Structure formats: C-alpha cells, structure tokens
Amino acid sequence: KLDWGVKVLASLDACRRVAFENIEDAARNGLHYVELRFSPGYMAMAHQLPIAGVVEAVIDGVRDGCNTFGVEARLIGIMSRTFGEAACLQELDALLAHRENITALDLAGDELGFPGSLFLSHFNRARDAGWHITVHAGEAAGPESIWQAIRELGAERIGHGVKAVEDRALMDFLAQQRIGIESCLTSNIQTSTVASLADHPLKTFLEHGVLASLNTDDPAVQGVDIIHEYHVAAPAAGLSREQIRQAQINGLEIAFLSDSEKRALREKVAEA
C-alpha cells in the first residue's frame, strides 16, 4: 500500500497538496499540534521527482495548511534506509538545505538489512544541525537495535520499539532517561509485529513508567486516524481510561518542543 500511495505523487504540486491535506485532516480530528514525518526520496521515487523539490513542496504545503487551519506542526525528515547509505545521504542533504524548517531526523525501512550502524555519520550531521533524533527500532529487530539507536545514533524517541519489552534493563533505561516510545497499535497488527492488540506491549510500557504515546504511523496506509487509535485500538489493547490519558500526556511530554512551547500548548488546549 505504501507503493500505491506514492503513485499519486505525480508532481510537486501533488506533494504540496498532500502535505496541506495532512494539516486539514489534523484540524478535522481536533488536533492542536502534530509532528509530520516524510521521506523525500521515497515520495520522489515513483515519478522521479527532484528530491530537493519534494522537500520544498512539503514545507510549503504544511505552512499553508497551518496558516489556513490554525494547527501547529513540526516536520521530521525520514531517511529510507532500505535504499542504502548513499540514497539516505541524498535525502539528508536535501533536508539540511532547509534545516530551519525541519525539527528532527528519523530512520525507517528495512531494520534487519540496513542496521543503524550504517548511518552514524548521517546522524552526526543531523545533531550538528541542532535537530532532534527519533529512530524506527525494535520493530523487526530485537532490543539490541533500540540500544544501538540510543547509544550510537542519539535517539531521543524510538518508533514502534515493541521489542523493548523483551529486555528489562532496556525498559528501566527508557523510563529513567525519559526516552519516548512512539507506539502504533493498528500498524503493528497489520505488519504482524504483534499477533493481536491484546498482545501489544503498550500497556506494559505505561505500567513500567515508559513515556509511550499513541500514534497512527501512516494513516493513508493503515486506514485509521488518531481518533480510531484512542477510541478503538487503545481499549482493545487493554488500556484503561487513565492509561489512555497518560499516553496522551506522554505525547506532549516527548514532543519536540521547548518547555515554553509545551506550556503554551497546554494553555491553548485548556482554553479550547
């Protein structure tokens, strides 16, 4: 479905429109703040668009959407590790050309075939640019992939991270160091990362004090929105109302915002 989705990105205008509509969808779901991530190389691939142009189009679309709908957004650039180190370097260069519009760098794709150790220099450059770091890890590979993302790549958050539950020392470390887990319930079922929602470790993460939050992964692929994850998937995963609320609190706690920006967002939500 990912490959089908990018086929609609036949032009830079299409990329701009999709970015704009992501903000429109966020507003429709009642969100005040979103962090959107995108792989410019992957978006460019189907129709051989210029990667630099894709980055510009996404930035423009998100900016226009925020101005139109009153939603605050931050952008996270993804390097698609599946295409190798050189291709990821192209993506990184295109993102760094607009470093002031990018908040963080992510690494996604084939975790087993392209381990994080291949991308140390990429993340060194991202940190030098002042970006935050989040890494897809512990989805296909085991806890060692999460350790590597934290220790070598500087990850402040972990995407998916389901295998963390297999390592008690890692769970303790995540909780103590306040490293966030971006849990994606429906996505993890669809990719067979977990067998059922009842088997998902999100509840265990929350009980252990890990700053785990609820996320959609890719709504166009999963066919869900954040409302579904809160109202359908989370209860099916065994979360109580208090735990669902904690996951929401965690989402703001681990957001790539300054303390003052978080306070302002809390005040905005309270007034809504």
C-alpha atoms as a PDB file:
ATOM      1  CA  LYS A   1       0.000   0.000   0.000  1.00  0.00           C
ATOM      2  CA  LEU A   2       2.911   2.359   0.552  1.00  0.00           C
ATOM      3  CA  ASP A   3       3.950   1.916  -3.075  1.00  0.00           C
ATOM      4  CA  TRP A   4       0.388   2.535  -4.256  1.00  0.00           C
ATOM      5  CA  GLY A   5       0.207   5.676  -2.170  1.00  0.00           C
ATOM      6  CA  VAL A   6       3.273   7.346  -3.637  1.00  0.00           C
ATOM      7  CA  LYS A   7       1.993   6.785  -7.166  1.00  0.00           C
ATOM      8  CA  VAL A   8      -0.419   9.686  -6.679  1.00  0.00           C
ATOM      9  CA  LEU A   9       2.571  11.975  -6.089  1.00  0.00           C
ATOM     10  CA  ALA A  10       2.988  12.643  -9.797  1.00  0.00           C
ATOM     11  CA  SER A  11       4.139  16.239  -9.394  1.00  0.00           C
ATOM     12  CA  LEU A  12       5.496  18.661  -6.844  1.00  0.00           C
ATOM     13  CA  ASP A  13       2.044  20.241  -6.703  1.00  0.00           C
ATOM     14  CA  ALA A  14       0.659  16.847  -5.670  1.00  0.00           C
ATOM     15  CA  CYS A  15       3.254  16.643  -2.884  1.00  0.00           C
ATOM     16  CA  ARG A  16       2.291  20.118  -1.756  1.00  0.00           C
ATOM     17  CA  ARG A  17      -1.401  19.225  -1.776  1.00  0.00           C
ATOM     18  CA  VAL A  18      -0.901  16.038   0.234  1.00  0.00           C
ATOM     19  CA  ALA A  19       1.080  17.973   2.841  1.00  0.00           C
ATOM     20  CA  PHE A  20      -1.645  20.616   3.028  1.00  0.00           C
ATOM     21  CA  GLU A  21      -4.358  17.965   3.375  1.00  0.00           C
ATOM     22  CA  ASN A  22      -2.477  16.305   6.225  1.00  0.00           C
ATOM     23  CA  ILE A  23      -2.909  19.510   8.198  1.00  0.00           C
ATOM     24  CA  GLU A  24      -6.548  19.695   7.136  1.00  0.00           C
ATOM     25  CA  ASP A  25      -7.063  16.153   8.444  1.00  0.00           C
ATOM     26  CA  ALA A  26      -5.361  17.082  11.719  1.00  0.00           C
ATOM     27  CA  ALA A  27      -7.732  20.012  12.166  1.00  0.00           C
ATOM     28  CA  ARG A  28     -10.708  17.782  11.402  1.00  0.00           C
ATOM     29  CA  ASN A  29      -9.539  15.400  14.121  1.00  0.00           C
ATOM     30  CA  GLY A  30      -9.399  18.238  16.632  1.00  0.00           C
ATOM     31  CA  LEU A  31      -5.622  18.317  16.932  1.00  0.00           C
ATOM     32  CA  HIS A  32      -3.795  21.445  18.013  1.00  0.00           C
ATOM     33  CA  TYR A  33      -0.295  20.157  17.297  1.00  0.00           C
ATOM     34  CA  VAL A  34       1.145  17.499  15.008  1.00  0.00           C
ATOM     35  CA  GLU A  35       4.544  16.195  14.042  1.00  0.00           C
ATOM     36  CA  LEU A  36       4.528  15.006  10.442  1.00  0.00           C
ATOM     37  CA  ARG A  37       7.337  12.948   9.010  1.00  0.00           C
ATOM     38  CA  PHE A  38       8.203  12.279   5.395  1.00  0.00           C
ATOM     39  CA  SER A  39      10.856  10.587   3.288  1.00  0.00           C
ATOM     40  CA  PRO A  40      11.626  12.904   0.372  1.00  0.00           C
ATOM     41  CA  GLY A  41      13.416  10.163  -1.543  1.00  0.00           C
ATOM     42  CA  TYR A  42      10.516   7.769  -1.227  1.00  0.00           C
ATOM     43  CA  MET A  43       7.995  10.438  -2.188  1.00  0.00           C
ATOM     44  CA  ALA A  44      10.085  11.308  -5.251  1.00  0.00           C
ATOM     45  CA  MET A  45      10.666   7.736  -6.380  1.00  0.00           C
ATOM     46  CA  ALA A  46       7.540   6.744  -8.332  1.00  0.00           C
ATOM     47  CA  HIS A  47       7.667   9.691 -10.728  1.00  0.00           C
ATOM     48  CA  GLN A  48      11.360  10.564 -10.428  1.00  0.00           C
ATOM     49  CA  LEU A  49      10.696  13.960  -8.901  1.00  0.00           C
ATOM     50  CA  PRO A  50      13.599  16.100  -7.690  1.00  0.00           C
ATOM     51  CA  ILE A  51      14.218  15.298  -4.039  1.00  0.00           C
ATOM     52  CA  ALA A  52      15.025  18.904  -3.192  1.00  0.00           C
ATOM     53  CA  GLY A  53      11.765  19.973  -4.806  1.00  0.00           C
ATOM     54  CA  VAL A  54       9.807  17.464  -2.736  1.00  0.00           C
ATOM     55  CA  VAL A  55      11.244  18.906   0.473  1.00  0.00           C
ATOM     56  CA  GLU A  56      10.280  22.423  -0.592  1.00  0.00           C
ATOM     57  CA  ALA A  57       6.789  21.307  -1.619  1.00  0.00           C
ATOM     58  CA  VAL A  58       6.124  19.582   1.700  1.00  0.00           C
ATOM     59  CA  ILE A  59       7.343  22.590   3.675  1.00  0.00           C
ATOM     60  CA  ASP A  60       5.146  24.918   1.606  1.00  0.00           C
ATOM     61  CA  GLY A  61       2.089  22.678   1.912  1.00  0.00           C
ATOM     62  CA  VAL A  62       2.416  22.303   5.661  1.00  0.00           C
ATOM     63  CA  ARG A  63       2.985  26.027   6.135  1.00  0.00           C
ATOM     64  CA  ASP A  64      -0.109  26.866   4.078  1.00  0.00           C
ATOM     65  CA  GLY A  65      -2.143  24.281   5.973  1.00  0.00           C
ATOM     66  CA  CYS A  66      -1.088  25.632   9.345  1.00  0.00           C
ATOM     67  CA  ASN A  67      -1.995  29.175   8.301  1.00  0.00           C
ATOM     68  CA  THR A  68      -5.362  28.029   6.957  1.00  0.00           C
ATOM     69  CA  PHE A  69      -6.478  25.706   9.744  1.00  0.00           C
ATOM     70  CA  GLY A  70      -4.717  27.079  12.820  1.00  0.00           C
ATOM     71  CA  VAL A  71      -2.850  23.858  13.565  1.00  0.00           C
ATOM     72  CA  GLU A  72       0.748  23.952  14.776  1.00  0.00           C
ATOM     73  CA  ALA A  73       3.087  21.474  13.091  1.00  0.00           C
ATOM     74  CA  ARG A  74       6.694  20.342  13.086  1.00  0.00           C
ATOM     75  CA  LEU A  75       8.354  18.352  10.305  1.00  0.00           C
ATOM     76  CA  ILE A  76      10.534  15.283  10.759  1.00  0.00           C
ATOM     77  CA  GLY A  77      12.639  14.144   7.826  1.00  0.00           C
ATOM     78  CA  ILE A  78      12.929  10.411   7.240  1.00  0.00           C
ATOM     79  CA  MET A  79      15.861   8.643   5.668  1.00  0.00           C
ATOM     80  CA  SER A  80      14.639   5.459   3.948  1.00  0.00           C
ATOM     81  CA  ARG A  81      17.365   3.036   4.978  1.00  0.00           C
ATOM     82  CA  THR A  82      16.098   0.382   2.532  1.00  0.00           C
ATOM     83  CA  PHE A  83      17.681   2.316  -0.348  1.00  0.00           C
ATOM     84  CA  GLY A  84      21.131   2.342   1.241  1.00  0.00           C
ATOM     85  CA  GLU A  85      23.610   4.801   2.666  1.00  0.00           C
ATOM     86  CA  ALA A  86      24.174   6.870  -0.477  1.00  0.00           C
ATOM     87  CA  ALA A  87      20.467   7.399  -1.106  1.00  0.00           C
ATOM     88  CA  CYS A  88      19.985   8.386   2.520  1.00  0.00           C
ATOM     89  CA  LEU A  89      22.790  10.896   2.133  1.00  0.00           C
ATOM     90  CA  GLN A  90      20.885  12.473  -0.761  1.00  0.00           C
ATOM     91  CA  GLU A  91      17.801  12.741   1.415  1.00  0.00           C
ATOM     92  CA  LEU A  92      19.803  14.210   4.269  1.00  0.00           C
ATOM     93  CA  ASP A  93      21.433  16.820   2.034  1.00  0.00           C
ATOM     94  CA  ALA A  94      18.038  17.890   0.687  1.00  0.00           C
ATOM     95  CA  LEU A  95      16.646  18.185   4.203  1.00  0.00           C
ATOM     96  CA  LEU A  96      19.663  20.058   5.543  1.00  0.00           C
ATOM     97  CA  ALA A  97      19.211  22.668   2.821  1.00  0.00           C
ATOM     98  CA  HIS A  98      16.052  23.614   4.739  1.00  0.00           C
ATOM     99  CA  ARG A  99      17.310  22.835   8.222  1.00  0.00           C
ATOM    100  CA  GLU A 100      15.383  25.711   9.810  1.00  0.00           C
ATOM    101  CA  ASN A 101      12.110  24.105   8.681  1.00  0.00           C
ATOM    102  CA  ILE A 102      12.970  20.602   9.903  1.00  0.00           C
ATOM    103  CA  THR A 103      12.784  19.651  13.572  1.00  0.00           C
ATOM    104  CA  ALA A 104      14.156  16.115  13.656  1.00  0.00           C
ATOM    105  CA  LEU A 105      15.636  13.247  11.658  1.00  0.00           C
ATOM    106  CA  ASP A 106      14.266   9.709  11.541  1.00  0.00           C
ATOM    107  CA  LEU A 107      15.463   6.422  10.043  1.00  0.00           C
ATOM    108  CA  ALA A 108      12.856   3.984   8.715  1.00  0.00           C
ATOM    109  CA  GLY A 109      12.658   0.959   6.440  1.00  0.00           C
ATOM    110  CA  ASP A 110      14.441  -2.395   6.460  1.00  0.00           C
ATOM    111  CA  GLU A 111      15.760  -2.568  10.012  1.00  0.00           C
ATOM    112  CA  LEU A 112      17.284  -6.036   9.589  1.00  0.00           C
ATOM    113  CA  GLY A 113      19.009  -5.497   6.251  1.00  0.00           C
ATOM    114  CA  PHE A 114      20.228  -1.973   6.958  1.00  0.00           C
ATOM    115  CA  PRO A 115      21.110  -1.613  10.659  1.00  0.00           C
ATOM    116  CA  GLY A 116      21.548   1.782  12.232  1.00  0.00           C
ATOM    117  CA  SER A 117      25.313   1.314  12.441  1.00  0.00           C
ATOM    118  CA  LEU A 118      25.497   2.130   8.716  1.00  0.00           C
ATOM    119  CA  PHE A 119      24.208   5.638   9.318  1.00  0.00           C
ATOM    120  CA  LEU A 120      26.380   7.014  12.115  1.00  0.00           C
ATOM    121  CA  SER A 121      27.787   9.868  10.031  1.00  0.00           C
ATOM    122  CA  HIS A 122      24.316  10.830   8.833  1.00  0.00           C
ATOM    123  CA  PHE A 123      23.084  11.285  12.379  1.00  0.00           C
ATOM    124  CA  ASN A 124      26.239  13.104  13.426  1.00  0.00           C
ATOM    125  CA  ARG A 125      25.398  15.720  10.803  1.00  0.00           C
ATOM    126  CA  ALA A 126      21.797  15.885  11.972  1.00  0.00           C
ATOM    127  CA  ARG A 127      22.838  16.505  15.567  1.00  0.00           C
ATOM    128  CA  ASP A 128      25.339  19.124  14.399  1.00  0.00           C
ATOM    129  CA  ALA A 129      22.405  20.866  12.712  1.00  0.00           C
ATOM    130  CA  GLY A 130      20.624  21.007  16.063  1.00  0.00           C
ATOM    131  CA  TRP A 131      17.927  18.520  15.127  1.00  0.00           C
ATOM    132  CA  HIS A 132      16.196  16.100  17.447  1.00  0.00           C
ATOM    133  CA  ILE A 133      16.579  12.386  16.723  1.00  0.00           C
ATOM    134  CA  THR A 134      13.964   9.647  16.518  1.00  0.00           C
ATOM    135  CA  VAL A 135      14.643   6.199  15.051  1.00  0.00           C
ATOM    136  CA  HIS A 136      12.445   3.296  13.970  1.00  0.00           C
ATOM    137  CA  ALA A 137      13.886   0.414  16.007  1.00  0.00           C
ATOM    138  CA  GLY A 138      12.783  -2.723  17.795  1.00  0.00           C
ATOM    139  CA  GLU A 139      10.060  -3.418  15.260  1.00  0.00           C
ATOM    140  CA  ALA A 140      11.662  -6.124  13.098  1.00  0.00           C
ATOM    141  CA  ALA A 141      14.928  -6.403  15.044  1.00  0.00           C
ATOM    142  CA  GLY A 142      15.320  -7.061  18.757  1.00  0.00           C
ATOM    143  CA  PRO A 143      16.178  -4.907  21.778  1.00  0.00           C
ATOM    144  CA  GLU A 144      19.778  -4.547  20.616  1.00  0.00           C
ATOM    145  CA  SER A 145      18.542  -2.369  17.753  1.00  0.00           C
ATOM    146  CA  ILE A 146      16.958   0.009  20.255  1.00  0.00           C
ATOM    147  CA  TRP A 147      20.111   0.134  22.354  1.00  0.00           C
ATOM    148  CA  GLN A 148      22.113   0.940  19.223  1.00  0.00           C
ATOM    149  CA  ALA A 149      19.706   3.707  18.177  1.00  0.00           C
ATOM    150  CA  ILE A 150      20.051   5.340  21.581  1.00  0.00           C
ATOM    151  CA  ARG A 151      23.760   4.883  22.209  1.00  0.00           C
ATOM    152  CA  GLU A 152      25.143   5.421  18.713  1.00  0.00           C
ATOM    153  CA  LEU A 153      22.563   7.495  16.852  1.00  0.00           C
ATOM    154  CA  GLY A 154      21.445   9.631  19.789  1.00  0.00           C
ATOM    155  CA  ALA A 155      17.766   8.697  19.624  1.00  0.00           C
ATOM    156  CA  GLU A 156      15.540  10.667  21.998  1.00  0.00           C
ATOM    157  CA  ARG A 157      12.497   8.704  20.854  1.00  0.00           C
ATOM    158  CA  ILE A 158      12.012   5.256  19.376  1.00  0.00           C
ATOM    159  CA  GLY A 159       9.493   4.483  16.656  1.00  0.00           C
ATOM    160  CA  HIS A 160       7.477   1.325  17.413  1.00  0.00           C
ATOM    161  CA  GLY A 161      10.004  -0.177  19.838  1.00  0.00           C
ATOM    162  CA  VAL A 162       7.823  -3.196  20.566  1.00  0.00           C
ATOM    163  CA  LYS A 163      10.800  -5.481  21.250  1.00  0.00           C
ATOM    164  CA  ALA A 164      11.884  -3.312  24.183  1.00  0.00           C
ATOM    165  CA  VAL A 165       9.556  -5.379  26.341  1.00  0.00           C
ATOM    166  CA  GLU A 166      11.955  -8.329  25.940  1.00  0.00           C
ATOM    167  CA  ASP A 167      14.751  -6.536  27.847  1.00  0.00           C
ATOM    168  CA  ARG A 168      14.033  -5.464  31.430  1.00  0.00           C
ATOM    169  CA  ALA A 169      17.234  -3.402  31.630  1.00  0.00           C
ATOM    170  CA  LEU A 170      16.214  -1.543  28.489  1.00  0.00           C
ATOM    171  CA  MET A 171      12.744  -0.888  29.887  1.00  0.00           C
ATOM    172  CA  ASP A 172      14.328   0.538  33.031  1.00  0.00           C
ATOM    173  CA  PHE A 173      16.674   2.684  30.951  1.00  0.00           C
ATOM    174  CA  LEU A 174      13.867   4.059  28.783  1.00  0.00           C
ATOM    175  CA  ALA A 175      11.874   5.040  31.857  1.00  0.00           C
ATOM    176  CA  GLN A 176      14.822   6.532  33.738  1.00  0.00           C
ATOM    177  CA  GLN A 177      16.174   8.501  30.766  1.00  0.00           C
ATOM    178  CA  ARG A 178      12.694   9.580  29.629  1.00  0.00           C
ATOM    179  CA  ILE A 179      13.174   8.244  26.126  1.00  0.00           C
ATOM    180  CA  GLY A 180       9.833   8.131  24.356  1.00  0.00           C
ATOM    181  CA  ILE A 181       8.239   5.216  22.552  1.00  0.00           C
ATOM    182  CA  GLU A 182       6.041   6.080  19.566  1.00  0.00           C
ATOM    183  CA  SER A 183       3.547   3.207  19.760  1.00  0.00           C
ATOM    184  CA  CYS A 184       1.476   2.452  16.661  1.00  0.00           C
ATOM    185  CA  LEU A 185      -1.162  -0.097  17.627  1.00  0.00           C
ATOM    186  CA  THR A 186      -3.009  -0.734  14.375  1.00  0.00           C
ATOM    187  CA  SER A 187       0.158  -0.579  12.292  1.00  0.00           C
ATOM    188  CA  ASN A 188       1.857  -3.210  14.443  1.00  0.00           C
ATOM    189  CA  ILE A 189      -1.061  -5.579  13.888  1.00  0.00           C
ATOM    190  CA  GLN A 190      -1.114  -5.010  10.140  1.00  0.00           C
ATOM    191  CA  THR A 191       2.623  -5.677   9.826  1.00  0.00           C
ATOM    192  CA  SER A 192       2.332  -8.751  12.095  1.00  0.00           C
ATOM    193  CA  THR A 193       4.824  -7.226  14.501  1.00  0.00           C
ATOM    194  CA  VAL A 194       2.426  -8.336  17.230  1.00  0.00           C
ATOM    195  CA  ALA A 195      -0.210 -11.043  16.915  1.00  0.00           C
ATOM    196  CA  SER A 196      -3.107  -9.079  18.385  1.00  0.00           C
ATOM    197  CA  LEU A 197      -3.889  -5.834  20.142  1.00  0.00           C
ATOM    198  CA  ALA A 198      -4.176  -7.785  23.381  1.00  0.00           C
ATOM    199  CA  ASP A 199      -0.525  -8.810  22.917  1.00  0.00           C
ATOM    200  CA  HIS A 200       0.738  -5.286  22.285  1.00  0.00           C
ATOM    201  CA  PRO A 201       3.299  -4.069  24.862  1.00  0.00           C
ATOM    202  CA  LEU A 202       1.930  -0.501  25.101  1.00  0.00           C
ATOM    203  CA  LYS A 203       0.094  -1.295  28.327  1.00  0.00           C
ATOM    204  CA  THR A 204       3.269  -2.816  29.771  1.00  0.00           C
ATOM    205  CA  PHE A 205       5.261   0.251  28.734  1.00  0.00           C
ATOM    206  CA  LEU A 206       2.849   2.535  30.561  1.00  0.00           C
ATOM    207  CA  GLU A 207       2.813   0.347  33.668  1.00  0.00           C
ATOM    208  CA  HIS A 208       6.622   0.464  33.681  1.00  0.00           C
ATOM    209  CA  GLY A 209       6.718   4.250  33.531  1.00  0.00           C
ATOM    210  CA  VAL A 210       7.983   4.432  29.954  1.00  0.00           C
ATOM    211  CA  LEU A 211       6.906   7.586  28.111  1.00  0.00           C
ATOM    212  CA  ALA A 212       4.914   5.748  25.452  1.00  0.00           C
ATOM    213  CA  SER A 213       2.403   7.589  23.293  1.00  0.00           C
ATOM    214  CA  LEU A 214      -0.301   6.727  20.748  1.00  0.00           C
ATOM    215  CA  ASN A 215       0.418   7.318  17.069  1.00  0.00           C
ATOM    216  CA  THR A 216      -1.096   6.458  13.692  1.00  0.00           C
ATOM    217  CA  ASP A 217       2.098   5.582  11.789  1.00  0.00           C
ATOM    218  CA  ASP A 218       0.829   6.208   8.227  1.00  0.00           C
ATOM    219  CA  PRO A 219      -2.933   6.916   8.221  1.00  0.00           C
ATOM    220  CA  ALA A 220      -3.225   6.508   4.442  1.00  0.00           C
ATOM    221  CA  VAL A 221      -1.698   3.032   4.631  1.00  0.00           C
ATOM    222  CA  GLN A 222      -3.271   1.857   7.874  1.00  0.00           C
ATOM    223  CA  GLY A 223      -6.685   3.310   7.039  1.00  0.00           C
ATOM    224  CA  VAL A 224      -7.040   4.821  10.515  1.00  0.00           C
ATOM    225  CA  ASP A 225      -6.838   8.190  12.195  1.00  0.00           C
ATOM    226  CA  ILE A 226      -5.769   9.169  15.695  1.00  0.00           C
ATOM    227  CA  ILE A 227      -9.381   9.105  16.890  1.00  0.00           C
ATOM    228  CA  HIS A 228      -9.560   5.420  15.979  1.00  0.00           C
ATOM    229  CA  GLU A 229      -6.343   4.706  17.859  1.00  0.00           C
ATOM    230  CA  TYR A 230      -7.673   6.356  21.022  1.00  0.00           C
ATOM    231  CA  HIS A 231     -11.261   5.140  20.923  1.00  0.00           C
ATOM    232  CA  VAL A 232     -10.940   1.695  19.321  1.00  0.00           C
ATOM    233  CA  ALA A 233      -7.374   0.367  19.286  1.00  0.00           C
ATOM    234  CA  ALA A 234      -6.269   1.513  22.747  1.00  0.00           C
ATOM    235  CA  PRO A 235      -9.197  -0.063  24.637  1.00  0.00           C
ATOM    236  CA  ALA A 236      -8.731  -3.249  22.599  1.00  0.00           C
ATOM    237  CA  ALA A 237      -5.088  -3.250  23.716  1.00  0.00           C
ATOM    238  CA  GLY A 238      -6.282  -3.321  27.326  1.00  0.00           C
ATOM    239  CA  LEU A 239      -5.613   0.307  28.227  1.00  0.00           C
ATOM    240  CA  SER A 240      -7.766   1.832  30.943  1.00  0.00           C
ATOM    241  CA  ARG A 241      -9.110   5.365  30.591  1.00  0.00           C
ATOM    242  CA  GLU A 242      -6.358   6.531  32.916  1.00  0.00           C
ATOM    243  CA  GLN A 243      -3.690   4.844  30.791  1.00  0.00           C
ATOM    244  CA  ILE A 244      -5.109   6.335  27.606  1.00  0.00           C
ATOM    245  CA  ARG A 245      -4.957   9.736  29.266  1.00  0.00           C
ATOM    246  CA  GLN A 246      -1.372   9.049  30.339  1.00  0.00           C
ATOM    247  CA  ALA A 247      -0.435   8.146  26.771  1.00  0.00           C
ATOM    248  CA  GLN A 248      -1.833  11.494  25.665  1.00  0.00           C
ATOM    249  CA  ILE A 249       0.132  13.317  28.367  1.00  0.00           C
ATOM    250  CA  ASN A 250       3.240  11.416  27.298  1.00  0.00           C
ATOM    251  CA  GLY A 251       2.722  12.552  23.720  1.00  0.00           C
ATOM    252  CA  LEU A 252       3.141  16.165  24.756  1.00  0.00           C
ATOM    253  CA  GLU A 253       5.944  15.342  27.187  1.00  0.00           C
ATOM    254  CA  ILE A 254       8.078  13.773  24.439  1.00  0.00           C
ATOM    255  CA  ALA A 255       7.090  16.247  21.713  1.00  0.00           C
ATOM    256  CA  PHE A 256       9.979  18.013  20.047  1.00  0.00           C
ATOM    257  CA  LEU A 257       9.044  21.334  21.622  1.00  0.00           C
ATOM    258  CA  SER A 258      10.702  23.589  24.168  1.00  0.00           C
ATOM    259  CA  ASP A 259       9.307  23.726  27.694  1.00  0.00           C
ATOM    260  CA  SER A 260       7.773  27.128  26.985  1.00  0.00           C
ATOM    261  CA  GLU A 261       6.138  25.825  23.803  1.00  0.00           C
ATOM    262  CA  LYS A 262       4.693  22.890  25.730  1.00  0.00           C
ATOM    263  CA  ARG A 263       3.268  25.236  28.364  1.00  0.00           C
ATOM    264  CA  ALA A 264       1.709  27.406  25.673  1.00  0.00           C
ATOM    265  CA  LEU A 265       0.173  24.356  24.018  1.00  0.00           C
ATOM    266  CA  ARG A 266      -1.280  23.134  27.321  1.00  0.00           C
ATOM    267  CA  GLU A 267      -2.846  26.557  27.858  1.00  0.00           C
ATOM    268  CA  LYS A 268      -4.260  26.570  24.336  1.00  0.00           C
ATOM    269  CA  VAL A 269      -5.834  23.149  24.826  1.00  0.00           C
ATOM    270  CA  ALA A 270      -7.261  24.161  28.209  1.00  0.00           C
ATOM    271  CA  GLU A 271      -8.934  27.190  26.656  1.00  0.00           C
ATOM    272  CA  ALA A 272     -10.392  25.261  23.713  1.00  0.00           C
END
